[in-house]
Amino acid sequence: MTDGAIVIGASSGIGEALTRTLAAEGYEVGLASRRVERLKSIGADLPTKAYVAYMDLTEAERAREAFVELADAMGSVDLVVISSGVGHLNRDLEWEPECETIDVNVRGFTAIATAALEHFEASGTDGHLVGISSVAAVFGNGGAPAYNASKAFVSTYLEGLRHRQAGREANVTITTVEPGFVDTEMAMGSFWMCSPETAARQILRAVERDRRHVYVTRRWRLVAWLLKAAPEPALRRLFARV
């Protein structure tokens, strides 16, 4: 049976690149995002069968329903990647961007993560859940407080899911991906920036090796370690005008 993967946020950036990479490796792919016409265009270019679904993570309950419908239509789903996310520079703490960030990156992410685990456990097959977090998860950012906090939630939530799965019969691998700067619309810097295609190849390698946690690119591990070790006053000075 052909492997099947669902990519949430497949219309651009890492999600699109990973969709194309998975299809090149033989996966049938379910593409989900708000930009349906873009998804149809991407799906038409893939060498394997593609399924397209509208999904708006700000509507968590409807997003869960859309995930179930997409998984049922595909029949076999072995891999779910949650790549959707938003981020805003918001030093003035305007409510709308803070709210959207939490709705998508926290509520929406959790809605799909739990739906994916329910699917794997109900089907009784091995599964793999991948969540795209960020190196931003390891520090607070005065310029984008909700974004960094939401990514900290994603990383910690996935860690909790790994602990949960350790005591259950279902064989589900859970991978946390923490990229640094990737050349996408959401990039908030250019230091050590990589292309979405490079990120996708490294994520696929992590999936193939059943990794629990991976930095993209790998050298961002050093940056994350330094940020974790730095005292808060030093971080405040470093990110004072970010």
Protein backbone atom coordinates (compact mmCIF):
# COMPACT_ATOMS: atom_id res chain seq x y z
CA MET A 1 0.00 0.00 0.00
CA THR A 2 1.25 3.49 -0.88
CA ASP A 3 2.27 5.67 2.03
CA GLY A 4 0.00 8.63 2.67
CA ALA A 5 0.86 11.98 4.24
CA ILE A 6 -1.23 14.99 5.22
CA VAL A 7 0.51 18.37 5.26
CA ILE A 8 -1.31 21.19 7.04
CA GLY A 9 -0.11 24.50 5.60
CA ALA A 10 0.88 23.04 2.23
CA SER A 11 0.24 26.17 0.16
CA SER A 12 3.60 27.88 0.74
CA GLY A 13 6.96 27.86 2.52
CA ILE A 14 8.14 24.75 4.33
CA GLY A 15 4.76 23.07 3.92
CA GLU A 16 4.78 23.39 0.14
CA ALA A 17 8.41 22.29 -0.15
CA LEU A 18 7.81 19.30 2.10
CA THR A 19 4.69 18.34 0.10
CA ARG A 20 6.73 18.26 -3.09
CA THR A 21 9.54 16.34 -1.40
CA LEU A 22 7.18 13.72 0.00
CA ALA A 23 5.47 13.25 -3.35
CA ALA A 24 8.87 12.81 -5.02
CA GLU A 25 9.53 10.01 -2.51
CA GLY A 26 6.29 8.26 -3.51
CA TYR A 27 3.84 9.51 -0.89
CA GLU A 28 0.26 10.27 -1.80
CA VAL A 29 -0.30 13.66 -0.19
CA GLY A 30 -3.27 15.44 1.34
CA LEU A 31 -2.82 19.19 1.08
CA ALA A 32 -4.66 21.47 3.50
CA SER A 33 -4.76 25.24 3.95
CA ARG A 34 -7.05 28.22 3.34
CA ARG A 35 -5.67 28.79 -0.18
CA VAL A 36 -7.49 26.05 -2.08
CA GLU A 37 -6.71 27.26 -5.58
CA ARG A 38 -3.02 27.34 -4.74
CA LEU A 39 -3.28 23.81 -3.33
CA LYS A 40 -4.94 22.59 -6.53
CA SER A 41 -2.10 24.10 -8.57
CA ILE A 42 0.53 22.41 -6.39
CA GLY A 43 -1.35 19.11 -6.45
CA ALA A 44 -1.52 19.12 -10.22
CA ASP A 45 2.30 19.25 -10.35
CA LEU A 46 2.87 16.28 -8.06
CA PRO A 47 3.91 12.89 -9.44
CA THR A 48 1.57 11.06 -7.04
CA LYS A 49 -2.11 11.34 -6.21
CA ALA A 50 -3.03 14.52 -4.36
CA TYR A 51 -6.03 15.37 -2.22
CA VAL A 52 -6.98 18.97 -1.45
CA ALA A 53 -8.91 20.31 1.55
CA TYR A 54 -9.84 23.76 2.75
CA MET A 55 -8.75 24.27 6.35
CA ASP A 56 -8.75 27.40 8.51
CA LEU A 57 -7.03 26.79 11.83
CA THR A 58 -8.73 29.82 13.39
CA GLU A 59 -11.88 27.66 13.27
CA ALA A 60 -10.57 24.79 15.37
CA GLU A 61 -13.65 22.55 15.42
CA ARG A 62 -14.23 22.86 11.70
CA ALA A 63 -10.53 22.23 11.08
CA ARG A 64 -10.78 18.96 13.00
CA GLU A 65 -13.77 17.95 10.89
CA ALA A 66 -11.87 18.83 7.71
CA PHE A 67 -8.92 16.71 8.87
CA VAL A 68 -11.15 13.68 9.48
CA GLU A 69 -12.80 14.08 6.08
CA LEU A 70 -9.42 14.36 4.36
CA ALA A 71 -7.99 11.32 6.17
CA ASP A 72 -11.09 9.28 5.32
CA ALA A 73 -10.87 10.27 1.66
CA MET A 74 -7.23 9.20 1.50
CA GLY A 75 -7.80 5.86 3.20
CA SER A 76 -4.19 5.40 4.34
CA VAL A 77 -2.41 8.13 6.31
CA ASP A 78 0.94 7.30 7.87
CA LEU A 79 2.33 10.80 8.36
CA VAL A 80 0.80 14.10 9.49
CA VAL A 81 2.81 17.32 9.35
CA ILE A 82 1.48 20.49 10.97
CA SER A 83 3.29 23.30 9.21
CA SER A 84 0.66 26.04 9.42
CA GLY A 85 1.59 29.05 11.48
CA VAL A 86 1.44 32.82 11.64
CA GLY A 87 3.77 35.36 13.17
CA HIS A 88 3.60 39.12 13.61
CA LEU A 89 6.03 41.74 14.80
CA ASN A 90 3.80 43.44 17.36
CA ARG A 91 5.73 45.60 19.80
CA ASP A 92 2.60 47.74 20.36
CA LEU A 93 0.64 44.65 21.48
CA GLU A 94 -2.28 45.22 19.16
CA TRP A 95 -4.91 42.66 20.06
CA GLU A 96 -5.84 41.33 16.62
CA PRO A 97 -2.40 39.97 15.65
CA GLU A 98 -1.84 38.53 19.14
CA CYS A 99 -5.23 36.81 18.98
CA GLU A 100 -4.65 35.40 15.49
CA THR A 101 -1.28 34.02 16.54
CA ILE A 102 -2.77 32.16 19.50
CA ASP A 103 -5.77 30.96 17.48
CA VAL A 104 -3.60 29.46 14.74
CA ASN A 105 -0.38 28.45 16.49
CA VAL A 106 -1.92 27.17 19.73
CA ARG A 107 -5.62 26.32 19.38
CA GLY A 108 -5.41 25.32 15.73
CA PHE A 109 -2.20 23.36 16.21
CA THR A 110 -3.68 21.46 19.17
CA ALA A 111 -6.88 20.74 17.27
CA ILE A 112 -4.99 18.98 14.47
CA ALA A 113 -2.41 17.28 16.71
CA THR A 114 -5.14 15.64 18.77
CA ALA A 115 -7.14 14.74 15.67
CA ALA A 116 -4.06 13.10 14.15
CA LEU A 117 -3.41 10.99 17.25
CA GLU A 118 -7.06 9.97 17.39
CA HIS A 119 -6.81 8.89 13.76
CA PHE A 120 -3.67 6.82 14.31
CA GLU A 121 -5.04 5.18 17.44
CA ALA A 122 -8.41 4.39 15.86
CA SER A 123 -6.85 2.91 12.71
CA GLY A 124 -4.47 0.73 14.71
CA THR A 125 -1.58 1.44 12.35
CA ASP A 126 1.83 2.96 12.93
CA GLY A 127 1.84 6.71 12.54
CA HIS A 128 4.12 9.71 12.61
CA LEU A 129 3.18 13.21 13.75
CA VAL A 130 5.52 16.10 12.91
CA GLY A 131 5.05 19.57 14.36
CA ILE A 132 6.91 22.57 12.96
CA SER A 133 7.91 24.72 15.91
CA SER A 134 10.83 27.18 15.88
CA VAL A 135 14.11 28.04 17.57
CA ALA A 136 12.03 31.02 18.79
CA ALA A 137 10.50 28.59 21.29
CA VAL A 138 13.52 28.90 23.57
CA PHE A 139 13.32 32.62 24.38
CA GLY A 140 10.86 35.47 24.87
CA ASN A 141 10.79 38.20 22.24
CA GLY A 142 9.58 41.70 23.03
CA GLY A 143 8.93 42.38 19.36
CA ALA A 144 6.82 39.27 18.74
CA PRO A 145 5.77 38.01 22.18
CA ALA A 146 2.83 35.87 21.08
CA TYR A 147 4.79 34.18 18.30
CA ASN A 148 7.67 33.01 20.49
CA ALA A 149 5.30 31.97 23.28
CA SER A 150 3.14 30.02 20.83
CA LYS A 151 6.15 28.13 19.53
CA ALA A 152 7.18 27.32 23.11
CA PHE A 153 3.71 25.84 23.50
CA VAL A 154 4.13 23.75 20.34
CA SER A 155 7.47 22.32 21.46
CA THR A 156 6.31 21.59 25.00
CA TYR A 157 3.00 20.14 23.84
CA LEU A 158 4.74 17.75 21.47
CA GLU A 159 7.07 16.70 24.29
CA GLY A 160 4.02 15.96 26.41
CA LEU A 161 2.49 13.90 23.61
CA ARG A 162 5.68 11.83 23.41
CA HIS A 163 5.44 11.10 27.14
CA ARG A 164 1.79 10.15 26.67
CA GLN A 165 2.52 7.78 23.80
CA ALA A 166 5.21 5.99 25.76
CA GLY A 167 2.53 4.33 27.84
CA ARG A 168 0.11 3.45 25.06
CA GLU A 169 -0.23 0.57 22.63
CA ALA A 170 -0.37 2.71 19.49
CA ASN A 171 3.04 3.03 17.84
CA VAL A 172 3.12 6.75 17.02
CA THR A 173 6.36 8.63 16.52
CA ILE A 174 6.25 12.33 17.36
CA THR A 175 8.87 14.70 15.97
CA THR A 176 9.47 18.31 16.96
CA VAL A 177 11.12 20.42 14.26
CA GLU A 178 12.66 23.72 15.36
CA PRO A 179 13.86 25.69 12.33
CA GLY A 180 15.95 28.82 12.46
CA PHE A 181 15.50 31.33 9.64
CA VAL A 182 13.96 29.84 6.51
CA ASP A 183 13.41 31.86 3.34
CA THR A 184 9.63 32.22 3.62
CA GLU A 185 7.14 35.07 4.01
CA MET A 186 7.31 34.62 7.80
CA ALA A 187 11.09 34.99 8.10
CA MET A 188 12.01 37.57 10.76
CA GLY A 189 15.73 37.55 10.00
CA SER A 190 18.35 36.31 7.54
CA PHE A 191 21.14 34.92 9.72
CA TRP A 192 22.01 31.36 8.62
CA MET A 193 18.92 31.35 6.41
CA CYS A 194 18.18 28.22 4.40
CA SER A 195 15.76 27.53 1.57
CA PRO A 196 12.41 25.79 2.16
CA GLU A 197 13.71 22.93 0.02
CA THR A 198 16.73 22.43 2.29
CA ALA A 199 14.43 22.48 5.30
CA ALA A 200 12.13 19.94 3.67
CA ARG A 201 14.98 17.53 2.93
CA GLN A 202 16.21 17.69 6.50
CA ILE A 203 12.70 17.19 7.88
CA LEU A 204 12.17 14.15 5.65
CA ARG A 205 15.49 12.73 6.88
CA ALA A 206 14.30 13.21 10.47
CA VAL A 207 11.07 11.38 9.64
CA GLU A 208 12.94 8.49 8.03
CA ARG A 209 15.15 8.18 11.11
CA ASP A 210 12.27 8.49 13.61
CA ARG A 211 13.91 11.45 15.27
CA ARG A 212 12.17 12.98 18.29
CA HIS A 213 13.65 16.44 17.88
CA VAL A 214 15.58 18.18 15.12
CA TYR A 215 16.92 21.66 14.40
CA VAL A 216 16.79 22.96 10.83
CA THR A 217 19.47 23.54 9.82
CA ARG A 218 21.43 21.45 12.29
CA ARG A 219 23.80 24.27 13.29
CA TRP A 220 20.87 26.09 14.93
CA ARG A 221 21.33 23.62 17.78
CA LEU A 222 24.27 25.79 18.89
CA VAL A 223 22.17 28.97 18.78
CA ALA A 224 19.40 27.32 20.78
CA TRP A 225 21.89 26.14 23.39
CA LEU A 226 23.37 29.63 23.74
CA LEU A 227 19.93 31.22 24.04
CA LYS A 228 18.90 28.75 26.72
CA ALA A 229 22.10 29.36 28.66
CA ALA A 230 22.07 33.15 28.43
CA PRO A 231 20.76 35.09 31.45
CA GLU A 232 17.55 37.05 30.89
CA PRO A 233 19.18 40.52 31.13
CA ALA A 234 21.55 39.56 28.31
CA LEU A 235 18.63 38.42 26.15
CA ARG A 236 16.77 41.68 26.86
CA ARG A 237 19.74 43.65 25.56
CA LEU A 238 20.17 41.35 22.57
CA PHE A 239 16.53 41.58 21.46
CA ALA A 240 15.79 45.10 22.71
CA ARG A 241 14.78 46.39 19.31
CA VAL A 242 13.74 43.20 17.52
